[in-house]
Amino acid sequence: PGFCNTNLKMIHMTIDINRPENQNPQPELEENEFIEVFTLPLRDLYSHCEKWEKEGYALDARVATLAEGIEMAKRWGL
């Protein structure tokens, strides 16, 4: 408990959301997988994560970590 062998790599990318192929992204789902795709401004990610946690949703640790980092940068003026 508390340990896993998961490895991940964070990447940075720019996506042109004005291009037609990026207008309606769809996940390639595996069996028994549910992923909802939506967009929101990064500046609002932390407040949305807080709201979703209060509503009982489980947040992916990578998303929550990104939201925390953005919020810290805003608070500290970075």
PDB file of N, CA and C in Angstrom:
ATOM      1  N   PRO A   1       0.825  -1.203   0.000  1.00  0.00           N
ATOM      2  CA  PRO A   1       0.000   0.000   0.000  1.00  0.00           C
ATOM      3  C   PRO A   1       0.865   1.262   0.000  1.00  0.00           C
ATOM      4  N   GLY A   2       0.484   2.194  -0.819  1.00  0.00           N
ATOM      5  CA  GLY A   2       1.214   3.449  -0.881  1.00  0.00           C
ATOM      6  C   GLY A   2       2.326   3.457  -1.904  1.00  0.00           C
ATOM      7  N   PHE A   3       2.634   2.317  -2.479  1.00  0.00           N
ATOM      8  CA  PHE A   3       3.695   2.244  -3.472  1.00  0.00           C
ATOM      9  C   PHE A   3       3.133   1.714  -4.779  1.00  0.00           C
ATOM     10  N   CYS A   4       3.723   2.141  -5.864  1.00  0.00           N
ATOM     11  CA  CYS A   4       3.327   1.603  -7.162  1.00  0.00           C
ATOM     12  C   CYS A   4       4.520   1.703  -8.097  1.00  0.00           C
ATOM     13  N   ASN A   5       4.421   1.068  -9.217  1.00  0.00           N
ATOM     14  CA  ASN A   5       5.509   1.112 -10.183  1.00  0.00           C
ATOM     15  C   ASN A   5       5.147   1.975 -11.392  1.00  0.00           C
ATOM     16  N   THR A   6       4.278   2.943 -11.188  1.00  0.00           N
ATOM     17  CA  THR A   6       3.856   3.818 -12.273  1.00  0.00           C
ATOM     18  C   THR A   6       4.934   4.848 -12.580  1.00  0.00           C
ATOM     19  N   ASN A   7       5.217   5.012 -13.848  1.00  0.00           N
ATOM     20  CA  ASN A   7       6.132   6.050 -14.315  1.00  0.00           C
ATOM     21  C   ASN A   7       5.365   6.964 -15.245  1.00  0.00           C
ATOM     22  N   LEU A   8       5.671   8.244 -15.192  1.00  0.00           N
ATOM     23  CA  LEU A   8       5.016   9.163 -16.107  1.00  0.00           C
ATOM     24  C   LEU A   8       5.977  10.259 -16.491  1.00  0.00           C
ATOM     25  N   LYS A   9       5.644  10.950 -17.550  1.00  0.00           N
ATOM     26  CA  LYS A   9       6.462  12.058 -18.039  1.00  0.00           C
ATOM     27  C   LYS A   9       5.525  13.201 -18.353  1.00  0.00           C
ATOM     28  N   MET A  10       5.824  14.369 -17.814  1.00  0.00           N
ATOM     29  CA  MET A  10       5.041  15.564 -18.116  1.00  0.00           C
ATOM     30  C   MET A  10       5.611  16.188 -19.382  1.00  0.00           C
ATOM     31  N   ILE A  11       4.739  16.596 -20.270  1.00  0.00           N
ATOM     32  CA  ILE A  11       5.176  17.239 -21.503  1.00  0.00           C
ATOM     33  C   ILE A  11       4.481  18.584 -21.640  1.00  0.00           C
ATOM     34  N   HIS A  12       5.057  19.447 -22.418  1.00  0.00           N
ATOM     35  CA  HIS A  12       4.468  20.748 -22.709  1.00  0.00           C
ATOM     36  C   HIS A  12       4.139  20.780 -24.191  1.00  0.00           C
ATOM     37  N   MET A  13       2.954  21.250 -24.529  1.00  0.00           N
ATOM     38  CA  MET A  13       2.580  21.351 -25.933  1.00  0.00           C
ATOM     39  C   MET A  13       1.632  22.515 -26.128  1.00  0.00           C
ATOM     40  N   THR A  14       1.598  22.991 -27.338  1.00  0.00           N
ATOM     41  CA  THR A  14       0.653  24.030 -27.721  1.00  0.00           C
ATOM     42  C   THR A  14      -0.286  23.422 -28.742  1.00  0.00           C
ATOM     43  N   ILE A  15      -1.571  23.572 -28.510  1.00  0.00           N
ATOM     44  CA  ILE A  15      -2.582  23.027 -29.417  1.00  0.00           C
ATOM     45  C   ILE A  15      -3.385  24.181 -29.975  1.00  0.00           C
ATOM     46  N   ASP A  16      -3.448  24.257 -31.278  1.00  0.00           N
ATOM     47  CA  ASP A  16      -4.230  25.297 -31.948  1.00  0.00           C
ATOM     48  C   ASP A  16      -5.690  24.849 -31.954  1.00  0.00           C
ATOM     49  N   ILE A  17      -6.480  25.380 -31.024  1.00  0.00           N
ATOM     50  CA  ILE A  17      -7.876  24.945 -30.925  1.00  0.00           C
ATOM     51  C   ILE A  17      -8.752  25.531 -32.025  1.00  0.00           C
ATOM     52  N   ASN A  18      -8.178  26.347 -32.877  1.00  0.00           N
ATOM     53  CA  ASN A  18      -8.934  26.877 -34.010  1.00  0.00           C
ATOM     54  C   ASN A  18      -8.880  25.958 -35.223  1.00  0.00           C
ATOM     55  N   ARG A  19      -7.974  24.997 -35.225  1.00  0.00           N
ATOM     56  CA  ARG A  19      -7.894  24.050 -36.345  1.00  0.00           C
ATOM     57  C   ARG A  19      -9.079  23.095 -36.273  1.00  0.00           C
ATOM     58  N   PRO A  20      -9.666  22.764 -37.418  1.00  0.00           N
ATOM     59  CA  PRO A  20     -10.857  21.894 -37.435  1.00  0.00           C
ATOM     60  C   PRO A  20     -10.656  20.565 -36.706  1.00  0.00           C
ATOM     61  N   GLU A  21      -9.495  19.941 -36.866  1.00  0.00           N
ATOM     62  CA  GLU A  21      -9.271  18.631 -36.238  1.00  0.00           C
ATOM     63  C   GLU A  21      -9.164  18.715 -34.715  1.00  0.00           C
ATOM     64  N   ASN A  22      -9.028  19.925 -34.174  1.00  0.00           N
ATOM     65  CA  ASN A  22      -8.947  20.103 -32.722  1.00  0.00           C
ATOM     66  C   ASN A  22     -10.236  20.661 -32.122  1.00  0.00           C
ATOM     67  N   GLN A  23     -11.263  20.805 -32.923  1.00  0.00           N
ATOM     68  CA  GLN A  23     -12.511  21.403 -32.461  1.00  0.00           C
ATOM     69  C   GLN A  23     -13.312  20.487 -31.544  1.00  0.00           C
ATOM     70  N   ASN A  24     -13.283  19.200 -31.802  1.00  0.00           N
ATOM     71  CA  ASN A  24     -14.104  18.263 -31.032  1.00  0.00           C
ATOM     72  C   ASN A  24     -13.281  17.015 -30.693  1.00  0.00           C
ATOM     73  N   PRO A  25     -12.313  17.122 -29.780  1.00  0.00           N
ATOM     74  CA  PRO A  25     -11.464  15.966 -29.470  1.00  0.00           C
ATOM     75  C   PRO A  25     -12.271  14.832 -28.846  1.00  0.00           C
ATOM     76  N   GLN A  26     -11.949  13.616 -29.264  1.00  0.00           N
ATOM     77  CA  GLN A  26     -12.633  12.433 -28.757  1.00  0.00           C
ATOM     78  C   GLN A  26     -11.598  11.434 -28.249  1.00  0.00           C
ATOM     79  N   PRO A  27     -11.795  10.884 -27.066  1.00  0.00           N
ATOM     80  CA  PRO A  27     -10.841   9.894 -26.547  1.00  0.00           C
ATOM     81  C   PRO A  27     -10.983   8.560 -27.271  1.00  0.00           C
ATOM     82  N   GLU A  28      -9.905   7.799 -27.307  1.00  0.00           N
ATOM     83  CA  GLU A  28      -9.947   6.432 -27.812  1.00  0.00           C
ATOM     84  C   GLU A  28     -10.068   5.535 -26.585  1.00  0.00           C
ATOM     85  N   LEU A  29     -11.299   5.193 -26.246  1.00  0.00           N
ATOM     86  CA  LEU A  29     -11.589   4.499 -24.990  1.00  0.00           C
ATOM     87  C   LEU A  29     -11.212   3.027 -25.028  1.00  0.00           C
ATOM     88  N   GLU A  30     -10.721   2.546 -23.899  1.00  0.00           N
ATOM     89  CA  GLU A  30     -10.520   1.123 -23.707  1.00  0.00           C
ATOM     90  C   GLU A  30     -11.805   0.547 -23.116  1.00  0.00           C
ATOM     91  N   GLU A  31     -11.895  -0.767 -23.082  1.00  0.00           N
ATOM     92  CA  GLU A  31     -13.084  -1.419 -22.542  1.00  0.00           C
ATOM     93  C   GLU A  31     -13.311  -0.980 -21.094  1.00  0.00           C
ATOM     94  N   ASN A  32     -14.544  -0.702 -20.746  1.00  0.00           N
ATOM     95  CA  ASN A  32     -14.937  -0.271 -19.396  1.00  0.00           C
ATOM     96  C   ASN A  32     -14.319   1.054 -18.977  1.00  0.00           C
ATOM     97  N   GLU A  33     -14.002   1.901 -19.933  1.00  0.00           N
ATOM     98  CA  GLU A  33     -13.393   3.191 -19.625  1.00  0.00           C
ATOM     99  C   GLU A  33     -14.368   4.301 -19.985  1.00  0.00           C
ATOM    100  N   PHE A  34     -14.440   5.327 -19.138  1.00  0.00           N
ATOM    101  CA  PHE A  34     -15.293   6.480 -19.397  1.00  0.00           C
ATOM    102  C   PHE A  34     -14.455   7.735 -19.230  1.00  0.00           C
ATOM    103  N   ILE A  35     -14.352   8.511 -20.289  1.00  0.00           N
ATOM    104  CA  ILE A  35     -13.619   9.777 -20.245  1.00  0.00           C
ATOM    105  C   ILE A  35     -14.501  10.841 -20.863  1.00  0.00           C
ATOM    106  N   GLU A  36     -14.740  11.898 -20.112  1.00  0.00           N
ATOM    107  CA  GLU A  36     -15.507  13.036 -20.624  1.00  0.00           C
ATOM    108  C   GLU A  36     -14.519  14.128 -21.016  1.00  0.00           C
ATOM    109  N   VAL A  37     -14.644  14.631 -22.233  1.00  0.00           N
ATOM    110  CA  VAL A  37     -13.740  15.665 -22.732  1.00  0.00           C
ATOM    111  C   VAL A  37     -14.444  17.016 -22.687  1.00  0.00           C
ATOM    112  N   PHE A  38     -13.768  18.014 -22.114  1.00  0.00           N
ATOM    113  CA  PHE A  38     -14.302  19.370 -22.089  1.00  0.00           C
ATOM    114  C   PHE A  38     -13.128  20.326 -21.961  1.00  0.00           C
ATOM    115  N   THR A  39     -13.386  21.584 -22.192  1.00  0.00           N
ATOM    116  CA  THR A  39     -12.328  22.589 -22.062  1.00  0.00           C
ATOM    117  C   THR A  39     -12.737  23.636 -21.034  1.00  0.00           C
ATOM    118  N   LEU A  40     -11.729  24.230 -20.418  1.00  0.00           N
ATOM    119  CA  LEU A  40     -11.944  25.351 -19.509  1.00  0.00           C
ATOM    120  C   LEU A  40     -10.634  26.122 -19.433  1.00  0.00           C
ATOM    121  N   PRO A  41     -10.699  27.398 -19.080  1.00  0.00           N
ATOM    122  CA  PRO A  41      -9.466  28.184 -18.985  1.00  0.00           C
ATOM    123  C   PRO A  41      -8.562  27.651 -17.867  1.00  0.00           C
ATOM    124  N   LEU A  42      -7.259  27.578 -18.124  1.00  0.00           N
ATOM    125  CA  LEU A  42      -6.332  27.103 -17.098  1.00  0.00           C
ATOM    126  C   LEU A  42      -6.417  27.924 -15.823  1.00  0.00           C
ATOM    127  N   ARG A  43      -6.702  29.213 -15.958  1.00  0.00           N
ATOM    128  CA  ARG A  43      -6.768  30.068 -14.768  1.00  0.00           C
ATOM    129  C   ARG A  43      -7.882  29.624 -13.820  1.00  0.00           C
ATOM    130  N   ASP A  44      -8.856  28.869 -14.326  1.00  0.00           N
ATOM    131  CA  ASP A  44      -9.981  28.405 -13.508  1.00  0.00           C
ATOM    132  C   ASP A  44      -9.852  26.944 -13.076  1.00  0.00           C
ATOM    133  N   LEU A  45      -8.778  26.284 -13.467  1.00  0.00           N
ATOM    134  CA  LEU A  45      -8.651  24.849 -13.201  1.00  0.00           C
ATOM    135  C   LEU A  45      -8.698  24.529 -11.710  1.00  0.00           C
ATOM    136  N   TYR A  46      -7.974  25.283 -10.893  1.00  0.00           N
ATOM    137  CA  TYR A  46      -7.924  25.007  -9.454  1.00  0.00           C
ATOM    138  C   TYR A  46      -9.309  25.106  -8.818  1.00  0.00           C
ATOM    139  N   SER A  47     -10.047  26.161  -9.131  1.00  0.00           N
ATOM    140  CA  SER A  47     -11.381  26.317  -8.527  1.00  0.00           C
ATOM    141  C   SER A  47     -12.328  25.212  -8.994  1.00  0.00           C
ATOM    142  N   HIS A  48     -12.194  24.790 -10.241  1.00  0.00           N
ATOM    143  CA  HIS A  48     -13.025  23.680 -10.720  1.00  0.00           C
ATOM    144  C   HIS A  48     -12.654  22.390  -9.993  1.00  0.00           C
ATOM    145  N   CYS A  49     -11.358  22.151  -9.800  1.00  0.00           N
ATOM    146  CA  CYS A  49     -10.927  20.947  -9.082  1.00  0.00           C
ATOM    147  C   CYS A  49     -11.462  20.935  -7.654  1.00  0.00           C
ATOM    148  N   GLU A  50     -11.397  22.076  -6.982  1.00  0.00           N
ATOM    149  CA  GLU A  50     -11.953  22.158  -5.625  1.00  0.00           C
ATOM    150  C   GLU A  50     -13.439  21.820  -5.624  1.00  0.00           C
ATOM    151  N   LYS A  51     -14.165  22.376  -6.583  1.00  0.00           N
ATOM    152  CA  LYS A  51     -15.607  22.133  -6.672  1.00  0.00           C
ATOM    153  C   LYS A  51     -15.883  20.652  -6.928  1.00  0.00           C
ATOM    154  N   TRP A  52     -15.157  20.052  -7.866  1.00  0.00           N
ATOM    155  CA  TRP A  52     -15.379  18.644  -8.199  1.00  0.00           C
ATOM    156  C   TRP A  52     -15.056  17.739  -7.012  1.00  0.00           C
ATOM    157  N   GLU A  53     -13.995  18.050  -6.265  1.00  0.00           N
ATOM    158  CA  GLU A  53     -13.676  17.239  -5.089  1.00  0.00           C
ATOM    159  C   GLU A  53     -14.790  17.318  -4.052  1.00  0.00           C
ATOM    160  N   LYS A  54     -15.350  18.512  -3.845  1.00  0.00           N
ATOM    161  CA  LYS A  54     -16.458  18.673  -2.896  1.00  0.00           C
ATOM    162  C   LYS A  54     -17.692  17.904  -3.349  1.00  0.00           C
ATOM    163  N   GLU A  55     -17.833  17.732  -4.668  1.00  0.00           N
ATOM    164  CA  GLU A  55     -18.963  16.980  -5.218  1.00  0.00           C
ATOM    165  C   GLU A  55     -18.708  15.476  -5.196  1.00  0.00           C
ATOM    166  N   GLY A  56     -17.527  15.064  -4.734  1.00  0.00           N
ATOM    167  CA  GLY A  56     -17.241  13.642  -4.596  1.00  0.00           C
ATOM    168  C   GLY A  56     -16.502  13.004  -5.755  1.00  0.00           C
ATOM    169  N   TYR A  57     -16.066  13.798  -6.717  1.00  0.00           N
ATOM    170  CA  TYR A  57     -15.319  13.243  -7.842  1.00  0.00           C
ATOM    171  C   TYR A  57     -13.884  12.955  -7.430  1.00  0.00           C
ATOM    172  N   ALA A  58     -13.316  11.894  -7.970  1.00  0.00           N
ATOM    173  CA  ALA A  58     -11.904  11.574  -7.760  1.00  0.00           C
ATOM    174  C   ALA A  58     -11.114  12.221  -8.887  1.00  0.00           C
ATOM    175  N   LEU A  59     -10.142  13.036  -8.527  1.00  0.00           N
ATOM    176  CA  LEU A  59      -9.342  13.729  -9.525  1.00  0.00           C
ATOM    177  C   LEU A  59      -8.066  12.949  -9.813  1.00  0.00           C
ATOM    178  N   ASP A  60      -7.692  12.919 -11.073  1.00  0.00           N
ATOM    179  CA  ASP A  60      -6.418  12.338 -11.458  1.00  0.00           C
ATOM    180  C   ASP A  60      -5.305  13.163 -10.806  1.00  0.00           C
ATOM    181  N   ALA A  61      -4.336  12.501 -10.211  1.00  0.00           N
ATOM    182  CA  ALA A  61      -3.271  13.198  -9.487  1.00  0.00           C
ATOM    183  C   ALA A  61      -2.501  14.154 -10.384  1.00  0.00           C
ATOM    184  N   ARG A  62      -2.350  13.820 -11.661  1.00  0.00           N
ATOM    185  CA  ARG A  62      -1.612  14.707 -12.568  1.00  0.00           C
ATOM    186  C   ARG A  62      -2.375  15.998 -12.798  1.00  0.00           C
ATOM    187  N   VAL A  63      -3.681  15.907 -12.937  1.00  0.00           N
ATOM    188  CA  VAL A  63      -4.504  17.107 -13.138  1.00  0.00           C
ATOM    189  C   VAL A  63      -4.492  17.958 -11.875  1.00  0.00           C
ATOM    190  N   ALA A  64      -4.667  17.311 -10.723  1.00  0.00           N
ATOM    191  CA  ALA A  64      -4.679  18.049  -9.459  1.00  0.00           C
ATOM    192  C   ALA A  64      -3.333  18.724  -9.198  1.00  0.00           C
ATOM    193  N   THR A  65      -2.236  18.054  -9.535  1.00  0.00           N
ATOM    194  CA  THR A  65      -0.908  18.633  -9.343  1.00  0.00           C
ATOM    195  C   THR A  65      -0.701  19.834 -10.252  1.00  0.00           C
ATOM    196  N   LEU A  66      -1.134  19.737 -11.489  1.00  0.00           N
ATOM    197  CA  LEU A  66      -1.041  20.876 -12.407  1.00  0.00           C
ATOM    198  C   LEU A  66      -1.849  22.049 -11.870  1.00  0.00           C
ATOM    199  N   ALA A  67      -3.063  21.782 -11.408  1.00  0.00           N
ATOM    200  CA  ALA A  67      -3.917  22.844 -10.863  1.00  0.00           C
ATOM    201  C   ALA A  67      -3.262  23.506  -9.656  1.00  0.00           C
ATOM    202  N   GLU A  68      -2.686  22.709  -8.764  1.00  0.00           N
ATOM    203  CA  GLU A  68      -1.996  23.258  -7.586  1.00  0.00           C
ATOM    204  C   GLU A  68      -0.822  24.135  -8.008  1.00  0.00           C
ATOM    205  N   GLY A  69      -0.053  23.686  -8.991  1.00  0.00           N
ATOM    206  CA  GLY A  69       1.091  24.459  -9.455  1.00  0.00           C
ATOM    207  C   GLY A  69       0.690  25.794 -10.053  1.00  0.00           C
ATOM    208  N   ILE A  70      -0.362  25.794 -10.855  1.00  0.00           N
ATOM    209  CA  ILE A  70      -0.858  27.040 -11.446  1.00  0.00           C
ATOM    210  C   ILE A  70      -1.340  27.982 -10.349  1.00  0.00           C
ATOM    211  N   GLU A  71      -2.054  27.442  -9.376  1.00  0.00           N
ATOM    212  CA  GLU A  71      -2.565  28.267  -8.279  1.00  0.00           C
ATOM    213  C   GLU A  71      -1.420  28.851  -7.451  1.00  0.00           C
ATOM    214  N   MET A  72      -0.406  28.058  -7.178  1.00  0.00           N
ATOM    215  CA  MET A  72       0.747  28.564  -6.425  1.00  0.00           C
ATOM    216  C   MET A  72       1.454  29.679  -7.192  1.00  0.00           C
ATOM    217  N   ALA A  73       1.617  29.500  -8.489  1.00  0.00           N
ATOM    218  CA  ALA A  73       2.266  30.533  -9.305  1.00  0.00           C
ATOM    219  C   ALA A  73       1.458  31.827  -9.286  1.00  0.00           C
ATOM    220  N   LYS A  74       0.133  31.706  -9.335  1.00  0.00           N
ATOM    221  CA  LYS A  74      -0.717  32.905  -9.277  1.00  0.00           C
ATOM    222  C   LYS A  74      -0.585  33.597  -7.925  1.00  0.00           C
ATOM    223  N   ARG A  75      -0.640  32.828  -6.853  1.00  0.00           N
ATOM    224  CA  ARG A  75      -0.579  33.399  -5.499  1.00  0.00           C
ATOM    225  C   ARG A  75       0.762  34.057  -5.207  1.00  0.00           C
ATOM    226  N   TRP A  76       1.836  33.485  -5.741  1.00  0.00           N
ATOM    227  CA  TRP A  76       3.175  34.004  -5.480  1.00  0.00           C
ATOM    228  C   TRP A  76       3.663  34.948  -6.576  1.00  0.00           C
ATOM    229  N   GLY A  77       2.809  35.207  -7.559  1.00  0.00           N
ATOM    230  CA  GLY A  77       3.164  36.126  -8.635  1.00  0.00           C
ATOM    231  C   GLY A  77       4.301  35.634  -9.516  1.00  0.00           C
ATOM    232  N   LEU A  78       4.366  34.334  -9.724  1.00  0.00           N
ATOM    233  CA  LEU A  78       5.436  33.758 -10.556  1.00  0.00           C
ATOM    234  C   LEU A  78       5.075  33.745 -12.025  1.00  0.00           C
TER     235      LEU A  78
END
